[in-house]
Amino acid sequence: MNSEYIDRPAIIAEVTAAFYRYETALVSNDTAVLDELFWHDHRTVRLGAGENLYGIEQIRAFRAARPSAGLARQLQNTLITTFGDDYAVCSTEFTREGSASTGRQQQTWVRMPAGWRIVAAQVSLMS
């Protein structure tokens, strides 16, 4: 694969901004921004640490019911890789104060007409 196709600086900058916008919304429980950044489609998937969510409606319901306390976290080993102008994978690890677990998060982002959207996400915990 042509290396000029992978990690184009302008695309990395766009996806990085979207990723950190999502992170800010996540830790502040800004459900409007979280909803905006997921693809509004029945094929969107979010596999969480304790739930499997299929479709934007299940993701919305989960976000609406989730407690808003204790969401702060520290990210490490964040890696954003882009392929062409319209596809990216974001991976990160996170820790929360007082937790012995390390969380892992991976998201697939696609450029849609309305902007960058998460089409698939997975969150897991590792002791």
Protein backbone atom coordinates (compact mmCIF):
# COMPACT_ATOMS: atom_id res chain seq x y z
CA MET A 1 0.00 0.00 0.00
CA ASN A 2 1.26 3.45 -0.90
CA SER A 3 2.57 5.17 2.24
CA GLU A 4 1.21 8.51 0.98
CA TYR A 5 -2.25 6.99 1.43
CA ILE A 6 -1.77 6.34 5.15
CA ASP A 7 -1.68 9.06 7.83
CA ARG A 8 -1.96 12.12 5.62
CA PRO A 9 -1.24 15.02 8.00
CA ALA A 10 -4.43 16.97 7.24
CA ILE A 11 -6.61 13.89 7.74
CA ILE A 12 -4.79 12.92 10.95
CA ALA A 13 -5.47 16.45 12.24
CA GLU A 14 -9.19 16.21 11.41
CA VAL A 15 -9.66 12.80 13.03
CA THR A 16 -7.57 13.74 16.06
CA ALA A 17 -9.80 16.78 16.62
CA ALA A 18 -12.94 14.62 16.31
CA PHE A 19 -11.48 11.98 18.65
CA TYR A 20 -10.65 14.51 21.38
CA ARG A 21 -14.01 16.24 20.91
CA TYR A 22 -15.58 12.85 21.61
CA GLU A 23 -13.33 12.36 24.66
CA THR A 24 -14.31 15.75 26.10
CA ALA A 25 -18.00 14.96 25.55
CA LEU A 26 -17.56 11.53 27.12
CA VAL A 27 -16.00 12.70 30.38
CA SER A 28 -18.45 15.63 30.68
CA ASN A 29 -21.45 13.43 29.73
CA ASP A 30 -22.40 15.73 26.84
CA THR A 31 -24.87 13.30 25.31
CA ALA A 32 -25.77 15.67 22.47
CA VAL A 33 -22.18 15.67 21.17
CA LEU A 34 -21.79 11.93 21.80
CA ASP A 35 -24.93 11.31 19.76
CA GLU A 36 -23.77 13.66 17.02
CA LEU A 37 -20.46 11.82 16.63
CA PHE A 38 -22.02 8.37 16.15
CA TRP A 39 -23.41 7.39 12.77
CA HIS A 40 -27.20 7.58 12.98
CA ASP A 41 -27.88 4.17 11.52
CA HIS A 42 -29.14 0.76 12.60
CA ARG A 43 -25.79 -0.74 11.52
CA THR A 44 -23.77 1.26 14.05
CA VAL A 45 -22.27 -1.01 16.73
CA ARG A 46 -20.89 -0.22 20.18
CA LEU A 47 -19.59 -3.21 22.13
CA GLY A 48 -19.02 -2.02 25.69
CA ALA A 49 -17.44 -3.43 28.80
CA GLY A 50 -20.82 -4.77 29.91
CA GLU A 51 -23.19 -4.26 27.00
CA ASN A 52 -23.58 -4.96 23.30
CA LEU A 53 -25.40 -2.16 21.50
CA TYR A 54 -26.64 -2.54 17.95
CA GLY A 55 -27.96 0.53 16.20
CA ILE A 56 -28.06 4.18 17.12
CA GLU A 57 -31.27 3.80 19.15
CA GLN A 58 -29.68 1.31 21.57
CA ILE A 59 -26.59 3.52 21.83
CA ARG A 60 -28.77 6.55 22.61
CA ALA A 61 -30.73 4.64 25.25
CA PHE A 62 -27.49 3.50 26.91
CA ARG A 63 -26.11 7.05 26.98
CA ALA A 64 -29.36 8.42 28.45
CA ALA A 65 -29.34 5.85 31.28
CA ARG A 66 -25.62 5.97 32.09
CA PRO A 67 -24.60 7.64 35.37
CA SER A 68 -22.85 10.96 34.85
CA ALA A 69 -20.47 10.71 37.84
CA GLY A 70 -16.99 9.20 37.84
CA LEU A 71 -16.34 9.58 34.12
CA ALA A 72 -12.93 11.28 34.34
CA ARG A 73 -10.10 9.19 32.95
CA GLN A 74 -6.52 9.38 31.77
CA LEU A 75 -5.64 8.26 28.26
CA GLN A 76 -2.41 6.57 27.24
CA ASN A 77 -1.07 4.80 24.18
CA THR A 78 -3.51 6.61 21.90
CA LEU A 79 -2.94 5.73 18.27
CA ILE A 80 -4.86 7.27 15.38
CA THR A 81 -4.30 5.81 11.93
CA THR A 82 -5.99 7.08 8.79
CA PHE A 83 -6.38 5.39 5.44
CA GLY A 84 -7.09 7.72 2.56
CA ASP A 85 -9.32 10.70 3.22
CA ASP A 86 -12.38 9.00 4.67
CA TYR A 87 -11.47 6.15 7.04
CA ALA A 88 -9.69 6.00 10.40
CA VAL A 89 -9.12 3.74 13.38
CA CYS A 90 -8.56 5.23 16.85
CA SER A 91 -7.24 3.07 19.67
CA THR A 92 -6.47 4.09 23.22
CA GLU A 93 -6.06 2.77 26.74
CA PHE A 94 -7.50 4.55 29.77
CA THR A 95 -7.38 4.42 33.54
CA ARG A 96 -9.70 5.87 36.15
CA GLU A 97 -8.65 6.99 39.60
CA GLY A 98 -9.33 4.27 42.15
CA SER A 99 -9.69 1.51 39.57
CA ALA A 100 -7.25 -1.37 39.20
CA SER A 101 -8.43 -2.02 35.63
CA THR A 102 -7.09 -0.63 32.40
CA GLY A 103 -9.71 0.18 29.83
CA ARG A 104 -9.25 -0.27 26.11
CA GLN A 105 -11.22 1.58 23.48
CA GLN A 106 -11.20 1.26 19.73
CA GLN A 107 -13.28 3.23 17.28
CA THR A 108 -13.74 3.11 13.53
CA TRP A 109 -14.41 6.55 12.09
CA VAL A 110 -15.73 7.29 8.59
CA ARG A 111 -16.12 10.66 6.91
CA MET A 112 -19.82 11.13 6.20
CA PRO A 113 -21.49 14.08 4.45
CA ALA A 114 -22.04 15.64 7.92
CA GLY A 115 -18.43 15.03 9.04
CA TRP A 116 -16.44 12.33 10.85
CA ARG A 117 -18.67 9.73 12.55
CA ILE A 118 -18.04 6.60 14.62
CA VAL A 119 -19.49 3.59 12.83
CA ALA A 120 -18.16 0.95 15.23
CA ALA A 121 -16.71 1.09 18.74
CA GLN A 122 -15.51 -1.37 21.31
CA VAL A 123 -14.66 -0.84 24.97
CA SER A 124 -13.18 -3.49 27.23
CA LEU A 125 -11.51 -3.70 30.64
CA MET A 126 -8.37 -5.60 31.53
CA SER A 127 -7.43 -6.33 35.14
